[in-house]
Protein backbone atom coordinates (compact mmCIF):
# COMPACT_ATOMS: atom_id res chain seq x y z
CA MET A 1 -20.29 -2.45 17.13
CA LYS A 2 -17.58 -1.66 19.70
CA PHE A 3 -14.81 0.90 19.43
CA TYR A 4 -11.52 1.50 21.21
CA ILE A 5 -9.27 4.58 21.13
CA GLU A 6 -5.53 4.71 21.86
CA THR A 7 -2.85 7.33 21.38
CA ALA A 8 0.83 7.19 20.52
CA ASP A 9 3.58 9.76 20.19
CA SER A 10 5.40 10.68 16.99
CA PRO A 11 7.86 13.41 15.93
CA LYS A 12 4.90 15.26 14.39
CA GLY A 13 2.70 15.03 17.46
CA GLU A 14 0.14 12.69 18.95
CA ILE A 15 -1.30 9.91 16.80
CA THR A 16 -4.82 8.68 17.51
CA LEU A 17 -5.73 5.06 16.78
CA TYR A 18 -9.32 3.87 16.42
CA LYS A 19 -10.32 0.20 16.51
CA LEU A 20 -13.82 -0.59 15.22
CA GLU A 21 -14.96 -4.13 16.08
CA ASN A 22 -18.21 -5.70 14.92
CA GLU A 23 -20.26 -8.35 16.71
CA SER A 24 -18.34 -11.22 15.07
CA GLY A 25 -15.01 -9.91 16.42
CA ALA A 26 -13.79 -8.75 13.01
CA SER A 27 -12.17 -5.34 13.23
CA VAL A 28 -10.36 -2.50 11.51
CA THR A 29 -7.82 -0.18 13.14
CA LEU A 30 -7.35 3.32 11.74
CA SER A 31 -4.65 5.91 12.41
CA SER A 32 -4.71 9.69 12.22
CA LEU A 33 -1.18 9.50 10.78
CA GLY A 34 -1.79 9.50 7.05
CA ALA A 35 -5.49 8.71 7.62
CA GLY A 36 -4.27 5.14 7.45
CA ILE A 37 -5.40 1.56 7.95
CA THR A 38 -3.07 -0.28 10.34
CA SER A 39 -5.01 -3.52 10.80
CA ILE A 40 -7.93 -5.48 9.38
CA ILE A 41 -8.80 -8.66 11.26
CA VAL A 42 -11.24 -10.94 9.44
CA PRO A 43 -12.18 -14.65 9.56
CA ASP A 44 -11.15 -17.41 7.21
CA CYS A 45 -13.61 -20.08 6.09
CA ASP A 46 -13.12 -21.95 9.40
CA GLY A 47 -13.81 -18.84 11.45
CA ASN A 48 -10.19 -18.20 12.41
CA LEU A 49 -9.46 -14.48 12.81
CA ASP A 50 -6.23 -13.05 11.39
CA ASP A 51 -4.80 -9.64 10.58
CA VAL A 52 -4.54 -9.43 6.78
CA VAL A 53 -2.90 -5.98 6.55
CA LEU A 54 0.85 -5.34 6.63
CA GLY A 55 1.91 -2.77 9.20
CA TYR A 56 4.41 -1.79 11.84
CA LYS A 57 4.90 -2.59 15.50
CA ASN A 58 5.50 1.07 16.40
CA PRO A 59 2.69 3.46 15.29
CA ALA A 60 5.23 6.25 14.72
CA ASP A 61 7.12 4.12 12.17
CA TYR A 62 4.43 4.91 9.60
CA LEU A 63 5.92 8.41 9.37
CA TYR A 64 8.07 8.74 6.22
CA ASP A 65 8.04 4.98 5.57
CA GLY A 66 9.02 4.03 2.03
CA PRO A 67 6.10 1.62 1.44
CA CYS A 68 3.46 4.21 2.41
CA ALA A 69 1.76 1.34 4.26
CA GLY A 70 -1.99 1.65 4.69
CA LYS A 71 -2.07 5.42 4.25
CA VAL A 72 -3.77 7.96 1.99
CA PRO A 73 -1.12 9.59 -0.25
CA GLY A 74 -1.77 13.02 -1.73
CA ARG A 75 -2.40 15.55 -2.91
CA TYR A 76 -1.69 13.43 -6.01
CA ALA A 77 -1.22 9.69 -5.49
CA ASN A 78 1.18 7.88 -7.84
CA ARG A 79 3.55 9.61 -10.28
CA ILE A 80 3.66 12.91 -12.16
CA ALA A 81 6.37 13.01 -14.84
CA ALA A 82 9.33 15.25 -13.98
CA GLY A 83 7.17 16.90 -11.32
CA HIS A 84 5.75 19.03 -14.14
CA LEU A 85 2.27 20.40 -13.55
CA GLU A 86 0.49 23.03 -15.65
CA ILE A 87 -2.88 24.51 -14.68
CA ASN A 88 -4.58 27.37 -16.55
CA GLY A 89 -1.35 28.09 -18.41
CA LYS A 90 0.78 28.38 -15.27
CA VAL A 91 3.56 25.86 -14.65
CA TYR A 92 4.21 24.45 -11.19
CA GLN A 93 7.36 22.47 -10.38
CA LEU A 94 6.67 19.73 -7.86
CA ALA A 95 9.26 18.05 -5.65
CA ILE A 96 11.18 15.22 -7.34
CA ASN A 97 11.18 12.25 -4.97
CA ASN A 98 11.02 9.11 -7.14
CA GLY A 99 13.82 8.94 -9.68
CA PRO A 100 13.13 11.88 -12.02
CA ASN A 101 9.45 12.10 -11.03
CA ALA A 102 7.08 13.31 -8.32
CA LEU A 103 5.42 10.57 -6.28
CA HIS A 104 2.47 10.60 -3.85
CA GLY A 105 2.36 14.38 -3.43
CA GLY A 106 5.99 14.79 -2.40
CA PRO A 107 8.10 14.14 0.72
CA GLU A 108 5.60 15.96 2.95
CA GLY A 109 2.55 14.49 1.25
CA PHE A 110 -0.73 13.68 2.97
CA GLN A 111 0.61 10.26 4.00
CA ASN A 112 3.11 11.98 6.32
CA GLN A 113 0.66 14.35 8.01
CA ILE A 114 -1.43 13.89 11.14
CA TRP A 115 -5.06 14.35 10.14
CA ASP A 116 -7.80 15.69 12.41
CA PRO A 117 -9.98 12.75 13.49
CA GLU A 118 -13.66 12.64 14.40
CA MET A 119 -15.58 9.62 15.65
CA GLN A 120 -19.12 9.48 14.23
CA GLY A 121 -21.11 6.80 16.00
CA ASN A 122 -19.51 3.44 16.81
CA ASP A 123 -18.74 2.40 13.24
CA ARG A 124 -17.36 5.47 11.46
CA VAL A 125 -14.24 7.65 11.68
CA VAL A 126 -13.68 10.78 9.59
CA PHE A 127 -10.21 12.27 9.06
CA SER A 128 -9.77 15.84 7.79
CA LEU A 129 -6.71 17.72 6.55
CA VAL A 130 -6.17 21.28 5.30
CA SER A 131 -3.37 21.54 2.73
CA SER A 132 -2.36 25.17 2.33
CA ASP A 133 -1.88 26.99 -0.97
CA GLY A 134 1.63 26.16 -2.19
CA ASP A 135 1.90 23.05 -0.02
CA GLU A 136 4.42 20.83 -1.86
CA HIS A 137 4.11 23.45 -4.64
CA TYR A 138 0.48 22.62 -5.50
CA PRO A 139 -1.88 25.57 -6.03
CA GLY A 140 -4.91 26.26 -3.87
CA GLU A 141 -5.86 25.58 -0.28
CA LEU A 142 -7.27 22.05 -0.39
CA GLN A 143 -9.56 20.63 2.27
CA ALA A 144 -9.37 16.84 2.15
CA ARG A 145 -11.55 14.32 3.96
CA VAL A 146 -11.39 10.53 4.34
CA ALA A 147 -14.29 8.70 5.99
CA TYR A 148 -14.09 5.03 6.98
CA THR A 149 -17.16 2.96 7.90
CA TRP A 150 -16.89 -0.65 9.14
CA THR A 151 -19.95 -2.88 8.81
CA GLU A 152 -21.27 -5.97 10.55
CA ASP A 153 -20.71 -7.98 7.37
CA ASN A 154 -16.99 -7.08 7.12
CA VAL A 155 -17.10 -4.33 4.52
CA LEU A 156 -14.87 -1.27 4.90
CA ARG A 157 -16.33 1.72 3.06
CA ILE A 158 -13.85 4.49 2.20
CA GLU A 159 -15.12 7.91 1.12
CA LEU A 160 -12.52 10.28 -0.34
CA SER A 161 -13.45 13.92 -0.85
CA ALA A 162 -11.84 17.33 -1.34
CA VAL A 163 -12.58 20.96 -2.20
CA SER A 164 -10.16 23.74 -3.16
CA ASP A 165 -10.22 27.54 -3.27
CA ALA A 166 -8.22 27.51 -6.54
CA ASP A 167 -8.05 25.19 -9.52
CA THR A 168 -5.73 22.29 -8.64
CA VAL A 169 -5.30 18.55 -9.18
CA VAL A 170 -6.18 15.81 -6.75
CA ASN A 171 -5.91 12.02 -6.81
CA LEU A 172 -6.62 10.15 -3.58
CA THR A 173 -6.48 6.43 -2.82
CA ASN A 174 -5.66 4.03 -0.02
CA HIS A 175 -2.29 2.27 -0.04
CA THR A 176 -2.96 -0.78 2.14
CA TYR A 177 -0.88 -3.94 1.58
CA PHE A 178 -2.87 -7.16 1.86
CA ASN A 179 -1.84 -10.73 2.63
CA LEU A 180 -4.91 -12.94 3.01
CA ALA A 181 -2.90 -15.65 4.77
CA ASN A 182 -1.98 -13.18 7.53
CA GLU A 183 0.33 -10.19 7.76
CA SER A 184 3.31 -12.24 8.91
CA ALA A 185 2.87 -15.21 6.56
CA GLY A 186 5.53 -14.25 4.04
CA SER A 187 5.15 -14.15 0.27
CA VAL A 188 1.77 -13.23 -1.19
CA LEU A 189 2.68 -14.49 -4.67
CA ASP A 190 0.67 -17.71 -4.41
CA GLN A 191 -2.58 -15.80 -3.80
CA GLU A 192 -4.83 -15.30 -6.79
CA LEU A 193 -5.93 -12.01 -8.33
CA LYS A 194 -8.64 -11.20 -10.85
CA LEU A 195 -8.93 -7.71 -12.35
CA ASN A 196 -11.93 -6.24 -14.17
CA ALA A 197 -9.54 -4.76 -16.69
CA SER A 198 -8.86 -5.67 -20.32
CA THR A 199 -6.32 -2.85 -20.80
CA TYR A 200 -3.37 -1.46 -18.85
CA LEU A 201 -1.09 1.56 -19.08
CA PRO A 202 2.37 0.75 -20.48
CA THR A 203 5.13 2.96 -19.05
CA ASP A 204 8.67 4.09 -19.62
CA ASP A 205 11.45 2.72 -17.42
CA THR A 206 10.64 5.28 -14.68
CA LEU A 207 7.03 3.98 -14.51
CA ILE A 208 5.49 7.02 -16.20
CA PRO A 209 2.67 6.03 -18.59
CA THR A 210 3.40 6.48 -22.27
CA GLY A 211 -0.19 7.64 -22.81
CA GLU A 212 -1.31 4.45 -24.55
CA MET A 213 -3.78 1.87 -23.26
CA ASP A 214 -2.69 -1.60 -24.34
CA ALA A 215 -4.68 -4.82 -24.31
CA VAL A 216 -3.66 -7.30 -21.61
CA ALA A 217 -4.54 -10.32 -23.77
CA GLY A 218 -1.53 -12.52 -24.46
CA THR A 219 0.70 -10.71 -21.95
CA PRO A 220 1.73 -11.24 -18.32
CA MET A 221 -0.56 -8.29 -17.50
CA ASP A 222 -3.68 -10.40 -18.10
CA PHE A 223 -5.63 -10.92 -14.86
CA THR A 224 -9.05 -11.13 -16.50
CA SER A 225 -9.37 -14.57 -14.90
CA PHE A 226 -7.94 -15.65 -11.54
CA LYS A 227 -4.18 -16.09 -11.62
CA PRO A 228 -1.52 -16.41 -8.89
CA LEU A 229 0.28 -13.11 -8.49
CA GLY A 230 3.60 -14.86 -8.95
CA ARG A 231 2.80 -17.00 -11.99
CA ASP A 232 4.15 -14.56 -14.59
CA ILE A 233 6.02 -12.08 -12.40
CA LYS A 234 9.48 -13.21 -13.55
CA GLN A 235 8.70 -13.07 -17.26
CA ASN A 236 10.89 -10.95 -19.51
CA PHE A 237 8.36 -8.19 -20.15
CA PRO A 238 9.01 -4.43 -20.02
CA ALA A 239 6.40 -3.60 -17.36
CA LEU A 240 7.78 -6.30 -15.06
CA ASN A 241 11.42 -5.52 -15.73
CA TYR A 242 10.97 -1.82 -14.92
CA GLY A 243 9.43 -2.42 -11.49
CA LYS A 244 10.97 -5.77 -10.42
CA GLY A 245 7.42 -7.12 -10.48
CA TYR A 246 3.98 -5.62 -10.84
CA ASP A 247 3.78 -1.87 -10.19
CA ASN A 248 1.35 -0.95 -12.91
CA CYS A 249 -2.00 0.68 -13.56
CA TRP A 250 -4.96 -1.07 -15.16
CA VAL A 251 -8.01 0.66 -16.66
CA ILE A 252 -11.18 -0.64 -15.02
CA ASP A 253 -13.64 -1.86 -17.65
CA GLY A 254 -16.76 0.29 -17.81
CA ALA A 255 -15.44 2.86 -15.33
CA ALA A 256 -15.93 5.76 -17.72
CA ASP A 257 -19.52 6.01 -16.41
CA MET A 258 -18.12 6.91 -12.93
CA LYS A 259 -20.42 4.35 -11.30
CA LEU A 260 -19.42 1.58 -8.91
CA HIS A 261 -17.66 -1.38 -10.47
CA THR A 262 -15.72 -4.33 -9.13
CA ALA A 263 -12.08 -3.49 -9.74
CA ALA A 264 -10.37 -6.55 -8.29
CA ILE A 265 -10.88 -9.78 -6.39
CA LEU A 266 -8.04 -11.27 -4.35
CA ARG A 267 -8.43 -14.76 -2.90
CA ASN A 268 -6.48 -17.26 -0.86
CA ARG A 269 -7.51 -20.80 -1.78
CA VAL A 270 -5.66 -22.26 1.24
CA ASN A 271 -7.85 -20.61 3.90
CA GLY A 272 -10.78 -19.39 1.82
CA ARG A 273 -10.44 -15.66 2.44
CA VAL A 274 -11.70 -13.41 -0.34
CA LEU A 275 -11.33 -9.64 -0.80
CA GLU A 276 -13.51 -7.91 -3.39
CA ILE A 277 -12.64 -4.27 -4.13
CA VAL A 278 -15.39 -2.07 -5.57
CA THR A 279 -14.89 1.54 -6.66
CA ASP A 280 -16.02 4.40 -8.88
CA GLN A 281 -12.39 5.30 -9.65
CA PRO A 282 -11.23 4.89 -13.28
CA ALA A 283 -8.14 2.78 -12.64
CA VAL A 284 -6.37 0.45 -10.24
CA GLN A 285 -2.65 0.29 -9.49
CA VAL A 286 -1.38 -3.12 -8.43
CA TYR A 287 1.95 -3.20 -6.58
CA THR A 288 3.32 -6.54 -5.43
CA GLY A 289 5.52 -5.07 -2.69
CA ASN A 290 8.64 -5.34 -4.84
CA TRP A 291 10.68 -3.11 -2.50
CA LEU A 292 9.30 -3.96 0.95
CA SER A 293 12.62 -5.24 2.24
CA GLY A 294 14.13 -2.83 4.74
CA SER A 295 10.79 -1.45 5.91
CA PRO A 296 10.27 -0.84 9.65
CA MET A 297 9.72 -3.72 12.08
CA GLY A 298 6.41 -5.43 11.36
CA LYS A 299 3.63 -6.08 13.84
CA SER A 300 4.83 -9.64 14.42
CA GLY A 301 8.39 -8.61 15.27
CA ARG A 302 10.13 -9.05 11.93
CA SER A 303 10.72 -6.80 8.95
CA TYR A 304 8.83 -7.62 5.78
CA GLU A 305 10.52 -9.01 2.70
CA ASP A 306 9.85 -8.17 -0.91
CA TYR A 307 6.51 -9.58 -2.16
CA ASP A 308 5.08 -10.13 1.36
CA GLY A 309 1.99 -8.07 0.48
CA VAL A 310 0.08 -6.60 -2.43
CA ALA A 311 -1.32 -3.08 -2.66
CA ILE A 312 -4.43 -2.71 -4.83
CA GLU A 313 -4.93 1.05 -5.16
CA CYS A 314 -8.09 2.36 -6.84
CA GLN A 315 -7.25 5.81 -8.19
CA GLY A 316 -7.05 8.24 -11.08
CA MET A 317 -4.43 7.52 -13.70
CA PRO A 318 -0.75 8.31 -13.09
CA ASP A 319 0.47 11.49 -14.80
CA ALA A 320 -3.07 12.38 -15.90
CA PRO A 321 -2.30 16.13 -15.59
CA ASN A 322 0.19 15.67 -18.46
CA LYS A 323 -1.91 13.18 -20.43
CA PRO A 324 -5.03 14.90 -21.83
CA GLN A 325 -6.24 11.56 -23.21
CA PHE A 326 -6.62 10.26 -19.62
CA PRO A 327 -9.62 11.12 -17.41
CA SER A 328 -8.98 14.54 -15.88
CA GLN A 329 -7.97 14.87 -12.23
CA LEU A 330 -8.45 18.67 -12.31
CA LEU A 331 -10.48 19.99 -9.38
CA LYS A 332 -11.97 23.39 -10.12
CA VAL A 333 -13.13 26.01 -7.66
CA GLY A 334 -16.73 25.33 -6.71
CA GLU A 335 -16.49 21.63 -7.51
CA GLU A 336 -16.10 18.74 -5.09
CA TYR A 337 -13.92 15.67 -5.56
CA ASN A 338 -15.76 12.55 -4.37
CA ARG A 339 -14.64 8.95 -4.79
CA LEU A 340 -15.59 5.65 -3.15
CA ILE A 341 -13.68 2.44 -2.43
CA PHE A 342 -15.11 -0.66 -0.72
CA PHE A 343 -12.99 -3.47 0.75
CA ASP A 344 -15.47 -6.36 1.01
CA PHE A 345 -14.20 -9.41 2.91
CA SER A 346 -15.88 -12.81 2.62
CA THR A 347 -14.98 -16.49 2.46
CA MET A 348 -15.23 -19.39 0.04
CA PRO A 349 -14.61 -23.12 0.55
CA LYS A 350 -10.87 -23.77 0.77
CA ASP A 351 -9.05 -26.28 -1.43
């Protein structure tokens, strides 16, 4: 395993970039801005290496970007209704930054902070961040940690952890956008997705879950067998109408045991690339890049268009602090939040 380190300037200070490259030439590039993934270069079935992660030409453009490309949002990824949070009988009002709701921990969330990086060996980078008590109106000083390990067989292991000195909520994920053709190939809607999920979370028109878990069978939300992302995306169905495409959360089958399960498999039948995502998180948000247009200049010198990538975000359920029927995202003093996500890249024979 080889590694390379670069730096870049940003309005918040110096960004450190780490490239981890295995013996086959496949690599991942990580950024201390948002503890993010800026590149994953992996082979297709003919051995051709391509970058399959959407990202920007200028490393500083990841700061305050709308898509939250590749980064770790927090302290609470996804939405909390009306920014309303109640812990131990005390109400906290979070910043409203997505319609009437709080999204991804607020405007100054973890995705817009420079994390402290540490290289551990040639194949592992650990990013740490201290979020002070009252940061974005959340209670407790939270110490967050994201560790990335890149393997010789093209698996990226992501370890998400946190501790707090007061009871708080935490929900961490990674918000990478994938296009298994390559990052500049255009629409991802012909690529096929399979989800290990027989139920999803219906929402209101602001994408806040209603609290129900509905069966996917007979609906456009059914990805229990491989299906092109775009096959049903234009159907007249509430979940698709609200988000201009898929921006929804599925419940991972069997995840209540908090053990590792396959959440999703994305594949490109044209070049044979396959991405299997394994996690111990309870749910997975799938977002088909419905609002990518207008994002910063991409790595290949053009701005991305809507649907040019898909984010597959393993996480706790949106608005869980206000939905007692959902798995709790409460982190108590003396406890440790620990979650795992694996991005496992392989190939299959192409069509």
